[in-house]
Amino acid sequence: MALVAMISSLLNWGFSLIVSAVLAREVARRVPSADYRALGASSFLGLGSVWAQGLSGSAALQMARTSSMPPKLAQMVGEIPLTESIFRWQSLVCVIVEIVVVAATVWFITPAEGRGRTASALGHDLGPDSRCSWRRHGSGRAP
């Protein structure tokens, strides 16, 4: 869950929130013993860690065009292309290290099996299983 949240946030922080929320719910449906608190917390890790180093990082995007900067700042620094910010090899190494460290931390702090709190134990109804619901209606074809 944490890996998907962080990797998807490199594309866009908003995309990461939606994908991670949907995935957390689906994982909780398919793995009923999963700790729902850990899934929920992990689904926000993209926004809490690497999003600013990705394609929706506002600082890097603003500095990439002088038209996005206040005029005085544009005069002082000029444009800084994305190849000199988020796509530098040093930045990419930092992102990889951060993803590894955060994912390992989540792995170690997630409650052991039998000690977690499931969605149902927390009073959350995840609704019916949404996989292939069109097959249950008899036609055998997608609507």
Protein backbone atom coordinates (compact mmCIF):
# COMPACT_ATOMS: atom_id res chain seq x y z
CA MET A 1 0.00 0.00 0.00
CA ALA A 2 2.75 2.45 0.94
CA LEU A 3 4.71 1.73 -2.25
CA VAL A 4 1.69 2.33 -4.48
CA ALA A 5 0.89 5.57 -2.63
CA MET A 6 4.41 6.91 -2.99
CA ILE A 7 5.00 5.83 -6.58
CA SER A 8 1.64 7.15 -7.76
CA SER A 9 2.29 10.47 -5.99
CA LEU A 10 5.34 10.97 -8.17
CA LEU A 11 2.90 11.31 -11.07
CA ASN A 12 0.41 13.54 -9.24
CA TRP A 13 -0.46 14.01 -5.58
CA GLY A 14 -4.23 14.06 -6.25
CA PHE A 15 -4.06 10.90 -8.33
CA SER A 16 -2.19 9.24 -5.47
CA LEU A 17 -4.91 10.10 -2.95
CA ILE A 18 -7.66 8.57 -5.08
CA VAL A 19 -5.74 5.47 -6.18
CA SER A 20 -4.50 4.81 -2.66
CA ALA A 21 -7.92 5.22 -1.05
CA VAL A 22 -9.53 2.86 -3.54
CA LEU A 23 -6.70 0.35 -3.16
CA ALA A 24 -6.81 0.48 0.66
CA ARG A 25 -10.51 -0.32 0.61
CA GLU A 26 -10.05 -3.14 -1.88
CA VAL A 27 -7.15 -4.65 0.09
CA ALA A 28 -9.31 -4.54 3.23
CA ARG A 29 -12.07 -6.39 1.33
CA ARG A 30 -9.79 -9.06 -0.08
CA VAL A 31 -7.61 -9.48 3.02
CA PRO A 32 -10.12 -9.21 5.87
CA SER A 33 -7.40 -9.70 8.50
CA ALA A 34 -5.44 -6.62 7.29
CA ASP A 35 -5.01 -3.80 9.80
CA TYR A 36 -7.34 -1.11 8.52
CA ARG A 37 -5.51 1.64 10.41
CA ALA A 38 -2.20 0.73 8.73
CA LEU A 39 -3.88 0.64 5.31
CA GLY A 40 -5.41 4.07 5.87
CA ALA A 41 -2.18 5.60 7.12
CA SER A 42 -0.18 4.05 4.29
CA SER A 43 -2.58 5.43 1.71
CA PHE A 44 -1.54 8.99 2.68
CA LEU A 45 2.20 8.37 2.50
CA GLY A 46 2.57 9.63 -1.06
CA LEU A 47 1.24 13.01 -0.01
CA GLY A 48 3.27 12.93 3.18
CA SER A 49 6.59 12.01 1.63
CA VAL A 50 7.64 12.22 -2.03
CA TRP A 51 4.95 14.18 -3.88
CA ALA A 52 6.98 17.40 -3.96
CA GLN A 53 9.80 15.56 -5.75
CA GLY A 54 7.42 14.38 -8.47
CA LEU A 55 5.68 15.86 -11.50
CA SER A 56 3.22 17.83 -9.36
CA GLY A 57 5.86 19.41 -7.16
CA SER A 58 4.80 23.04 -7.15
CA ALA A 59 8.23 24.52 -6.39
CA ALA A 60 9.92 22.75 -9.29
CA LEU A 61 7.08 23.56 -11.68
CA GLN A 62 7.02 27.21 -10.68
CA MET A 63 10.76 27.60 -11.15
CA ALA A 64 10.65 25.93 -14.57
CA ARG A 65 9.04 28.98 -16.23
CA THR A 66 9.79 32.62 -15.57
CA SER A 67 6.14 33.42 -16.34
CA SER A 68 5.20 31.49 -13.18
CA MET A 69 7.53 33.48 -10.94
CA PRO A 70 7.27 36.94 -9.45
CA PRO A 71 9.22 39.30 -11.75
CA LYS A 72 11.96 40.14 -9.21
CA LEU A 73 12.62 36.44 -8.54
CA ALA A 74 12.67 35.68 -12.27
CA GLN A 75 15.34 38.38 -12.73
CA MET A 76 17.47 36.97 -9.90
CA VAL A 77 17.39 33.24 -10.70
CA GLY A 78 15.95 32.77 -14.17
CA GLU A 79 14.39 29.52 -15.28
CA ILE A 80 15.46 26.25 -13.66
CA PRO A 81 14.35 23.44 -15.98
CA LEU A 82 12.98 20.19 -14.54
CA THR A 83 16.11 18.44 -15.78
CA GLU A 84 17.99 20.51 -13.21
CA SER A 85 15.57 19.85 -10.35
CA ILE A 86 13.33 16.78 -10.09
CA PHE A 87 15.06 14.86 -12.90
CA ARG A 88 18.64 15.26 -11.65
CA TRP A 89 20.21 11.94 -10.75
CA GLN A 90 20.79 13.16 -7.20
CA SER A 91 17.11 13.94 -6.77
CA LEU A 92 16.10 10.56 -8.18
CA VAL A 93 18.47 8.78 -5.77
CA CYS A 94 16.97 10.73 -2.87
CA VAL A 95 13.47 9.69 -3.94
CA ILE A 96 14.47 6.04 -4.14
CA VAL A 97 16.13 6.16 -0.72
CA GLU A 98 13.09 7.89 0.77
CA ILE A 99 10.69 5.33 -0.70
CA VAL A 100 12.79 2.44 0.63
CA VAL A 101 13.12 3.97 4.12
CA VAL A 102 9.43 4.86 4.42
CA ALA A 103 8.27 1.47 3.08
CA ALA A 104 10.60 -0.35 5.51
CA THR A 105 9.34 1.78 8.39
CA VAL A 106 5.73 0.97 7.54
CA TRP A 107 6.62 -2.72 7.28
CA PHE A 108 8.13 -2.69 10.77
CA ILE A 109 5.43 -0.66 12.51
CA THR A 110 2.44 -2.49 11.04
CA PRO A 111 0.88 -4.68 13.75
CA ALA A 112 1.65 -8.38 13.56
CA GLU A 113 -1.05 -10.77 12.40
CA GLY A 114 -3.67 -11.16 15.07
CA ARG A 115 -2.82 -7.82 16.70
CA GLY A 116 -4.28 -5.53 14.05
CA ARG A 117 -7.72 -3.99 13.94
CA THR A 118 -9.76 -4.98 10.92
CA ALA A 119 -12.26 -2.73 9.18
CA SER A 120 -15.17 -4.65 10.68
CA ALA A 121 -13.64 -4.47 14.18
CA LEU A 122 -13.50 -0.69 13.77
CA GLY A 123 -17.15 -0.60 12.68
CA HIS A 124 -16.58 0.03 8.97
CA ASP A 125 -18.83 -1.65 6.45
CA LEU A 126 -16.83 -1.97 3.23
CA GLY A 127 -19.92 -2.86 1.22
CA PRO A 128 -20.29 -5.71 -1.25
CA ASP A 129 -17.35 -7.08 -3.19
CA SER A 130 -17.19 -5.03 -6.39
CA ARG A 131 -15.20 -7.54 -8.45
CA CYS A 132 -17.02 -8.49 -11.65
CA SER A 133 -20.45 -7.46 -10.34
CA TRP A 134 -21.80 -7.58 -13.91
CA ARG A 135 -21.30 -11.37 -13.94
CA ARG A 136 -23.69 -11.79 -11.02
CA HIS A 137 -26.53 -10.28 -13.06
CA GLY A 138 -26.69 -13.20 -15.46
CA SER A 139 -25.70 -11.76 -18.85
CA GLY A 140 -22.04 -12.84 -18.76
CA ARG A 141 -21.14 -9.60 -20.57
CA ALA A 142 -20.11 -6.25 -19.24
CA PRO A 143 -22.91 -3.66 -19.34
